[in-house]
Each structure stands twice: as structure tokens, then as C-alpha cells.
């Protein structure tokens, strides 16, 4: 079950269909080497959230990604499917760097999220900041 910022379970309904993780790795962009963890892959089973990460997940630049207010990122599967149709290629869960591929949530509801020990997802009030990695 998913909850809104105030923890009201009846405010938002949706499902988490995939949990995705990835570690930072170097890539070359315009002749420069940068570190990014944008590529996430679905994993099986339960994944604990401890501190500022899901187990097996990392962020390359914690000044703009991760941290206590942005530990987990959710993205709507419906939006991924829209992009797949536009591009004509399969993208799958994790293609946009999301940790949670969710179904049944409006785009305005998806975004930075934190997972609680009760398996609920709460939207945070933090605003996204620009990534300096040019990704």
C-alpha cells in the first residue's frame, strides 16, 4: 500500500511492481569521465532500506542525489510505457534511475519517496535539484 506525505493510506492507491538498485560506475561523456548510478536493475525479494540507501544501491553525487530526504526514487510504470511507445524500444523498470517502479499513481505523486518499515511509501516534500553529471 502507498501513503501520502501525511501517512494517510486512503489518499493514494498504487502498487510497487519492481524494486531496482544500481551502484555508481564511471562513464565517458564528451571526453570527460564522470560517475553515475543512473542505471538501475530490478532485484528479487525484499530489499532493506537502511540510512540513505536500499541495499545494493548507491548515488554518485550525494549533493544532489540520495540522502535522508531522497533515499528512494519512485517512477510510474505508465510513464515508462509512454516513453517506450514514443521511442519504439523497450526500456523496462529502472530505465529512469528509479528505485521503485510503481503502477497506479499519478505523475505528480511519483518522485522522491522514502520507504518505511511498514512497507508503505511516503512522498517527501523535498524538491529535485539539478544533476551536475550531465546525465
N, C-alpha and C. Protein backbone atom coordinates (compact mmCIF):
# COMPACT_ATOMS: atom_id res chain seq x y z
N UNK A 1 0.84 -1.17 0.00
CA UNK A 1 0.00 0.00 0.00
C UNK A 1 0.89 1.23 0.00
N UNK A 2 0.44 2.28 -0.66
CA UNK A 2 1.19 3.53 -0.71
C UNK A 2 0.46 4.59 0.09
N UNK A 3 1.21 5.48 0.70
CA UNK A 3 0.63 6.52 1.53
C UNK A 3 1.06 7.88 1.02
N UNK A 4 0.28 8.91 1.40
CA UNK A 4 0.69 10.26 1.05
C UNK A 4 1.65 10.78 2.11
N UNK A 5 2.05 12.06 1.98
CA UNK A 5 3.01 12.66 2.89
C UNK A 5 2.55 12.56 4.34
N UNK A 6 1.26 12.69 4.57
CA UNK A 6 0.73 12.66 5.92
C UNK A 6 0.51 11.24 6.43
N UNK A 7 0.82 10.23 5.62
CA UNK A 7 0.68 8.85 6.04
C UNK A 7 -0.72 8.30 5.91
N UNK A 8 -1.61 9.02 5.23
CA UNK A 8 -2.98 8.53 5.06
C UNK A 8 -3.00 7.50 3.95
N UNK A 9 -3.30 6.27 4.29
CA UNK A 9 -3.30 5.19 3.31
C UNK A 9 -4.43 5.33 2.31
N UNK A 10 -5.50 6.05 2.65
CA UNK A 10 -6.62 6.16 1.73
C UNK A 10 -6.43 7.28 0.71
N UNK A 11 -5.40 8.07 0.83
CA UNK A 11 -5.21 9.21 -0.05
C UNK A 11 -4.66 8.81 -1.42
N UNK A 12 -3.84 7.79 -1.48
CA UNK A 12 -3.18 7.38 -2.72
C UNK A 12 -3.21 5.85 -2.79
N UNK A 13 -3.54 5.33 -3.95
CA UNK A 13 -3.52 3.87 -4.14
C UNK A 13 -2.61 3.55 -5.31
N UNK A 14 -1.81 2.55 -5.14
CA UNK A 14 -0.90 2.12 -6.19
C UNK A 14 -0.14 0.90 -5.72
N UNK A 15 0.66 0.35 -6.61
CA UNK A 15 1.46 -0.82 -6.26
C UNK A 15 2.90 -0.62 -6.68
N UNK A 16 3.80 -1.20 -5.92
CA UNK A 16 5.21 -1.25 -6.29
C UNK A 16 5.39 -2.54 -7.07
N UNK A 17 5.76 -2.43 -8.35
CA UNK A 17 5.92 -3.62 -9.17
C UNK A 17 7.35 -4.10 -9.27
N UNK A 18 8.30 -3.19 -9.10
CA UNK A 18 9.72 -3.59 -9.13
C UNK A 18 10.50 -2.72 -8.16
N UNK A 19 11.48 -3.33 -7.51
CA UNK A 19 12.48 -2.61 -6.72
C UNK A 19 13.78 -2.72 -7.51
N UNK A 20 14.40 -1.58 -7.77
CA UNK A 20 15.59 -1.53 -8.64
C UNK A 20 16.75 -0.89 -7.90
N UNK A 21 17.95 -1.42 -8.12
CA UNK A 21 19.15 -0.88 -7.49
C UNK A 21 20.29 -0.82 -8.51
N UNK A 22 21.29 -0.02 -8.20
CA UNK A 22 22.49 0.07 -9.03
C UNK A 22 23.57 0.83 -8.29
N UNK A 23 24.81 0.50 -8.57
CA UNK A 23 25.96 1.16 -7.95
C UNK A 23 26.59 2.16 -8.92
N UNK A 24 27.23 3.20 -8.41
CA UNK A 24 27.91 4.16 -9.29
C UNK A 24 28.98 3.48 -10.14
N UNK A 25 29.13 3.98 -11.36
CA UNK A 25 30.18 3.48 -12.25
C UNK A 25 30.64 4.63 -13.15
N UNK A 26 31.87 4.55 -13.64
CA UNK A 26 32.38 5.63 -14.49
C UNK A 26 31.87 5.48 -15.93
N UNK A 27 31.56 6.62 -16.54
CA UNK A 27 31.21 6.66 -17.96
C UNK A 27 31.90 7.87 -18.58
N UNK A 28 32.13 7.80 -19.88
CA UNK A 28 32.74 8.92 -20.58
C UNK A 28 31.65 9.76 -21.24
N UNK A 29 31.70 11.05 -20.99
CA UNK A 29 30.74 12.00 -21.58
C UNK A 29 31.54 13.16 -22.15
N UNK A 30 31.48 13.32 -23.45
CA UNK A 30 32.20 14.40 -24.12
C UNK A 30 33.68 14.45 -23.73
N UNK A 31 34.31 13.30 -23.64
CA UNK A 31 35.73 13.23 -23.32
C UNK A 31 36.06 13.28 -21.84
N UNK A 32 35.08 13.50 -20.99
CA UNK A 32 35.30 13.52 -19.55
C UNK A 32 34.76 12.25 -18.92
N UNK A 33 35.41 11.79 -17.87
CA UNK A 33 34.91 10.65 -17.11
C UNK A 33 34.12 11.17 -15.93
N UNK A 34 32.87 10.72 -15.84
CA UNK A 34 32.02 11.08 -14.70
C UNK A 34 31.52 9.79 -14.06
N UNK A 35 31.06 9.90 -12.84
CA UNK A 35 30.48 8.76 -12.14
C UNK A 35 28.97 8.96 -12.07
N UNK A 36 28.23 7.89 -12.35
CA UNK A 36 26.78 7.95 -12.29
C UNK A 36 26.23 6.59 -11.83
N UNK A 37 25.08 6.66 -11.19
CA UNK A 37 24.38 5.44 -10.79
C UNK A 37 22.98 5.45 -11.39
N UNK A 38 22.82 6.08 -12.55
CA UNK A 38 21.51 6.20 -13.18
C UNK A 38 20.95 4.83 -13.59
N UNK A 39 21.82 3.88 -13.93
CA UNK A 39 21.34 2.58 -14.37
C UNK A 39 20.96 1.72 -13.18
N UNK A 40 19.70 1.37 -13.11
CA UNK A 40 19.19 0.50 -12.04
C UNK A 40 18.65 -0.76 -12.68
N UNK A 41 18.67 -1.86 -11.92
CA UNK A 41 18.14 -3.12 -12.41
C UNK A 41 17.20 -3.69 -11.36
N UNK A 42 16.12 -4.34 -11.80
CA UNK A 42 15.19 -4.96 -10.85
C UNK A 42 15.88 -6.09 -10.08
N UNK A 43 15.53 -6.23 -8.82
CA UNK A 43 16.05 -7.32 -7.98
C UNK A 43 14.88 -8.08 -7.39
N UNK A 44 15.13 -9.32 -7.03
CA UNK A 44 14.11 -10.18 -6.44
C UNK A 44 14.14 -10.08 -4.92
N UNK A 45 13.00 -10.36 -4.33
CA UNK A 45 12.92 -10.47 -2.88
C UNK A 45 12.87 -9.13 -2.18
N UNK A 46 12.98 -9.19 -0.87
CA UNK A 46 12.94 -7.99 -0.04
C UNK A 46 14.27 -7.27 -0.11
N UNK A 47 14.22 -5.95 -0.09
CA UNK A 47 15.42 -5.13 -0.12
C UNK A 47 15.34 -4.15 1.05
N UNK A 48 16.23 -4.27 2.03
CA UNK A 48 16.14 -3.37 3.17
C UNK A 48 16.58 -1.95 2.83
N UNK A 49 15.93 -1.01 3.46
CA UNK A 49 16.29 0.41 3.38
C UNK A 49 16.94 0.76 4.70
N UNK A 50 18.22 1.11 4.65
CA UNK A 50 18.96 1.46 5.85
C UNK A 50 19.64 2.79 5.62
N UNK A 51 19.42 3.72 6.50
CA UNK A 51 20.06 5.03 6.35
C UNK A 51 19.61 5.74 5.10
N UNK A 52 20.50 5.90 4.14
CA UNK A 52 20.19 6.67 2.93
C UNK A 52 20.17 5.82 1.66
N UNK A 53 20.13 4.49 1.80
CA UNK A 53 20.16 3.63 0.61
C UNK A 53 19.34 2.37 0.78
N UNK A 54 18.87 1.88 -0.35
CA UNK A 54 18.42 0.49 -0.41
C UNK A 54 19.68 -0.35 -0.51
N UNK A 55 19.66 -1.56 0.04
CA UNK A 55 20.83 -2.43 -0.08
C UNK A 55 21.12 -2.67 -1.57
N UNK A 56 22.38 -2.47 -1.96
CA UNK A 56 22.80 -2.67 -3.34
C UNK A 56 22.65 -1.44 -4.22
N UNK A 57 22.22 -0.32 -3.63
CA UNK A 57 22.03 0.90 -4.41
C UNK A 57 23.01 1.96 -3.93
N UNK A 58 23.37 2.85 -4.83
CA UNK A 58 24.26 3.94 -4.47
C UNK A 58 23.99 5.16 -5.32
N UNK A 59 24.57 6.27 -4.92
CA UNK A 59 24.47 7.52 -5.66
C UNK A 59 25.89 8.05 -5.87
N UNK A 60 26.14 8.57 -7.05
CA UNK A 60 27.48 9.06 -7.36
C UNK A 60 27.73 10.44 -6.75
N UNK A 61 26.71 11.27 -6.67
CA UNK A 61 26.87 12.63 -6.16
C UNK A 61 25.78 12.90 -5.14
N UNK A 62 26.10 12.72 -3.89
CA UNK A 62 25.09 12.87 -2.83
C UNK A 62 24.73 14.32 -2.54
N UNK A 63 25.39 15.28 -3.20
CA UNK A 63 24.96 16.66 -3.01
C UNK A 63 23.63 16.92 -3.72
N UNK A 64 23.30 16.08 -4.72
CA UNK A 64 22.04 16.26 -5.45
C UNK A 64 21.20 15.00 -5.51
N UNK A 65 21.75 13.86 -5.12
CA UNK A 65 21.03 12.58 -5.16
C UNK A 65 21.16 11.89 -3.81
N UNK A 66 20.13 11.17 -3.43
CA UNK A 66 20.20 10.40 -2.19
C UNK A 66 20.12 11.28 -0.96
N UNK A 67 20.53 10.72 0.15
CA UNK A 67 20.46 11.43 1.42
C UNK A 67 19.15 11.13 2.12
N UNK A 68 18.97 11.65 3.32
CA UNK A 68 17.80 11.30 4.12
C UNK A 68 16.47 11.73 3.50
N UNK A 69 16.46 12.79 2.68
CA UNK A 69 15.21 13.25 2.07
C UNK A 69 14.96 12.68 0.69
N UNK A 70 15.94 11.99 0.11
CA UNK A 70 15.81 11.44 -1.24
C UNK A 70 16.44 10.06 -1.33
N UNK A 71 16.15 9.22 -0.34
CA UNK A 71 16.79 7.91 -0.29
C UNK A 71 16.29 6.97 -1.37
N UNK A 72 15.04 7.12 -1.79
CA UNK A 72 14.42 6.20 -2.75
C UNK A 72 13.64 7.03 -3.76
N UNK A 73 13.78 6.68 -5.04
CA UNK A 73 13.09 7.41 -6.11
C UNK A 73 12.05 6.50 -6.74
N UNK A 74 10.82 7.00 -6.86
CA UNK A 74 9.72 6.24 -7.47
C UNK A 74 9.37 6.85 -8.82
N UNK A 75 9.02 6.00 -9.79
CA UNK A 75 8.62 6.47 -11.12
C UNK A 75 7.48 5.59 -11.62
N UNK A 76 6.51 6.21 -12.24
CA UNK A 76 5.31 5.50 -12.70
C UNK A 76 5.61 4.61 -13.91
N UNK A 77 5.21 3.36 -13.82
CA UNK A 77 5.35 2.43 -14.95
C UNK A 77 4.60 2.96 -16.17
N UNK A 78 3.47 3.59 -15.94
CA UNK A 78 2.69 4.14 -17.06
C UNK A 78 3.51 5.16 -17.84
N UNK A 79 4.35 5.93 -17.16
CA UNK A 79 5.21 6.90 -17.85
C UNK A 79 6.32 6.20 -18.62
N UNK A 80 6.89 5.15 -18.04
CA UNK A 80 7.90 4.36 -18.75
C UNK A 80 7.28 3.77 -20.02
N UNK A 81 6.06 3.25 -19.91
CA UNK A 81 5.39 2.67 -21.08
C UNK A 81 5.13 3.74 -22.14
N UNK A 82 4.80 4.96 -21.74
CA UNK A 82 4.60 6.05 -22.69
C UNK A 82 5.91 6.30 -23.45
N UNK A 83 7.03 6.37 -22.73
CA UNK A 83 8.32 6.60 -23.37
C UNK A 83 8.69 5.44 -24.29
N UNK A 84 8.39 4.21 -23.89
CA UNK A 84 8.66 3.06 -24.76
C UNK A 84 7.91 3.19 -26.08
N UNK A 85 6.65 3.64 -26.01
CA UNK A 85 5.85 3.82 -27.23
C UNK A 85 6.42 4.95 -28.09
N UNK A 86 6.86 6.03 -27.45
CA UNK A 86 7.41 7.17 -28.19
C UNK A 86 8.73 6.81 -28.88
N UNK A 87 9.56 6.05 -28.19
CA UNK A 87 10.88 5.71 -28.71
C UNK A 87 10.91 4.44 -29.54
N UNK A 88 9.89 3.60 -29.37
CA UNK A 88 9.83 2.34 -30.10
C UNK A 88 10.82 1.31 -29.61
N UNK A 89 11.25 1.43 -28.37
CA UNK A 89 12.19 0.46 -27.79
C UNK A 89 11.74 0.12 -26.37
N UNK A 90 12.00 -1.12 -25.95
CA UNK A 90 11.68 -1.46 -24.55
C UNK A 90 12.68 -0.81 -23.61
N UNK A 91 12.20 -0.27 -22.52
CA UNK A 91 13.07 0.36 -21.52
C UNK A 91 13.07 -0.44 -20.22
N UNK A 92 11.90 -0.80 -19.74
CA UNK A 92 11.80 -1.59 -18.52
C UNK A 92 12.02 -0.81 -17.25
N UNK A 93 11.78 -1.50 -16.14
CA UNK A 93 11.93 -0.90 -14.82
C UNK A 93 13.38 -0.51 -14.57
N UNK A 94 13.59 0.65 -13.99
CA UNK A 94 14.93 1.14 -13.68
C UNK A 94 15.53 2.03 -14.74
N UNK A 95 14.89 2.16 -15.89
CA UNK A 95 15.45 2.92 -17.01
C UNK A 95 15.63 4.40 -16.71
N UNK A 96 14.87 4.93 -15.77
CA UNK A 96 14.97 6.35 -15.43
C UNK A 96 15.63 6.56 -14.07
N UNK A 97 16.36 5.56 -13.62
CA UNK A 97 17.07 5.66 -12.36
C UNK A 97 16.20 5.45 -11.15
N UNK A 98 14.97 4.97 -11.37
CA UNK A 98 14.06 4.79 -10.25
C UNK A 98 14.39 3.55 -9.44
N UNK A 99 14.15 3.66 -8.15
CA UNK A 99 14.28 2.51 -7.25
C UNK A 99 12.98 1.75 -7.16
N UNK A 100 11.87 2.45 -7.30
CA UNK A 100 10.55 1.81 -7.23
C UNK A 100 9.81 2.08 -8.52
N UNK A 101 9.47 1.02 -9.25
CA UNK A 101 8.62 1.14 -10.43
C UNK A 101 7.20 0.91 -9.92
N UNK A 102 6.39 1.97 -9.96
CA UNK A 102 5.06 1.93 -9.36
C UNK A 102 3.97 2.01 -10.41
N UNK A 103 2.84 1.40 -10.12
CA UNK A 103 1.69 1.42 -11.03
C UNK A 103 0.49 2.01 -10.28
N UNK A 104 -0.27 2.83 -11.00
CA UNK A 104 -1.50 3.36 -10.44
C UNK A 104 -1.35 4.67 -9.70
N UNK A 105 -0.21 5.33 -9.85
CA UNK A 105 -0.01 6.64 -9.22
C UNK A 105 0.11 7.70 -10.29
N UNK A 106 -0.45 8.85 -10.02
CA UNK A 106 -0.30 9.98 -10.94
C UNK A 106 1.16 10.43 -10.94
N UNK A 107 1.60 11.01 -12.04
CA UNK A 107 2.97 11.51 -12.11
C UNK A 107 3.27 12.48 -10.99
N UNK A 108 2.32 13.31 -10.63
CA UNK A 108 2.55 14.27 -9.54
C UNK A 108 2.80 13.57 -8.22
N UNK A 109 2.35 12.34 -8.10
CA UNK A 109 2.53 11.59 -6.86
C UNK A 109 3.88 10.89 -6.85
N UNK A 110 4.37 10.49 -8.02
CA UNK A 110 5.67 9.82 -8.08
C UNK A 110 6.77 10.84 -7.84
N UNK A 111 7.93 10.38 -7.56
CA UNK A 111 9.06 11.27 -7.34
C UNK A 111 9.83 10.82 -6.13
N UNK A 112 10.55 11.73 -5.50
CA UNK A 112 11.31 11.32 -4.33
C UNK A 112 10.40 10.67 -3.29
N UNK A 113 10.82 9.57 -2.77
CA UNK A 113 9.99 8.85 -1.80
C UNK A 113 10.89 8.17 -0.79
N UNK A 114 10.34 7.86 0.35
CA UNK A 114 11.08 7.07 1.33
C UNK A 114 10.24 5.88 1.71
N UNK A 115 10.87 4.78 1.95
CA UNK A 115 10.15 3.57 2.34
C UNK A 115 10.20 3.45 3.86
N UNK A 116 9.08 3.16 4.46
CA UNK A 116 9.05 2.97 5.90
C UNK A 116 9.14 1.49 6.21
N UNK A 117 9.33 1.17 7.47
CA UNK A 117 9.44 -0.23 7.85
C UNK A 117 8.13 -0.98 7.68
N UNK A 118 7.02 -0.26 7.53
CA UNK A 118 5.73 -0.92 7.32
C UNK A 118 5.48 -1.21 5.85
N UNK A 119 6.49 -1.03 5.00
CA UNK A 119 6.43 -1.26 3.56
C UNK A 119 5.59 -0.22 2.84
N UNK A 120 5.18 0.82 3.52
CA UNK A 120 4.45 1.90 2.85
C UNK A 120 5.47 2.83 2.22
N UNK A 121 5.04 3.57 1.24
CA UNK A 121 5.90 4.56 0.61
C UNK A 121 5.30 5.92 0.90
N UNK A 122 6.13 6.82 1.36
CA UNK A 122 5.66 8.18 1.65
C UNK A 122 6.37 9.16 0.74
N UNK A 123 5.60 10.00 0.11
CA UNK A 123 6.18 11.05 -0.70
C UNK A 123 6.84 12.06 0.21
N UNK A 124 8.00 12.55 -0.19
CA UNK A 124 8.66 13.56 0.61
C UNK A 124 8.36 14.93 0.03
N UNK A 125 8.59 15.93 0.82
CA UNK A 125 8.34 17.29 0.38
C UNK A 125 9.56 17.92 -0.27
N UNK A 126 10.65 17.19 -0.39
CA UNK A 126 11.87 17.77 -0.96
C UNK A 126 11.71 18.00 -2.46
N UNK A 127 12.38 18.99 -2.95
CA UNK A 127 12.36 19.32 -4.36
C UNK A 127 13.59 18.71 -5.03
N UNK A 128 13.41 18.27 -6.26
CA UNK A 128 14.54 17.73 -7.03
C UNK A 128 15.49 18.87 -7.37
N UNK A 129 16.78 18.58 -7.39
CA UNK A 129 17.78 19.57 -7.78
C UNK A 129 18.51 19.04 -9.00
N UNK A 130 19.10 19.95 -9.75
CA UNK A 130 19.79 19.57 -10.98
C UNK A 130 20.99 18.69 -10.69
N UNK A 131 21.21 17.76 -11.59
CA UNK A 131 22.36 16.86 -11.51
C UNK A 131 23.52 17.48 -12.27
N UNK A 132 24.66 17.58 -11.63
CA UNK A 132 25.83 18.16 -12.30
C UNK A 132 26.52 17.19 -13.24
N UNK A 133 26.11 15.92 -13.21
CA UNK A 133 26.77 14.90 -14.02
C UNK A 133 26.37 14.96 -15.50
N UNK A 134 25.50 15.86 -15.87
CA UNK A 134 25.03 15.99 -17.24
C UNK A 134 24.45 14.69 -17.76
N UNK A 135 23.70 14.01 -16.90
CA UNK A 135 23.11 12.73 -17.32
C UNK A 135 21.62 12.91 -17.56
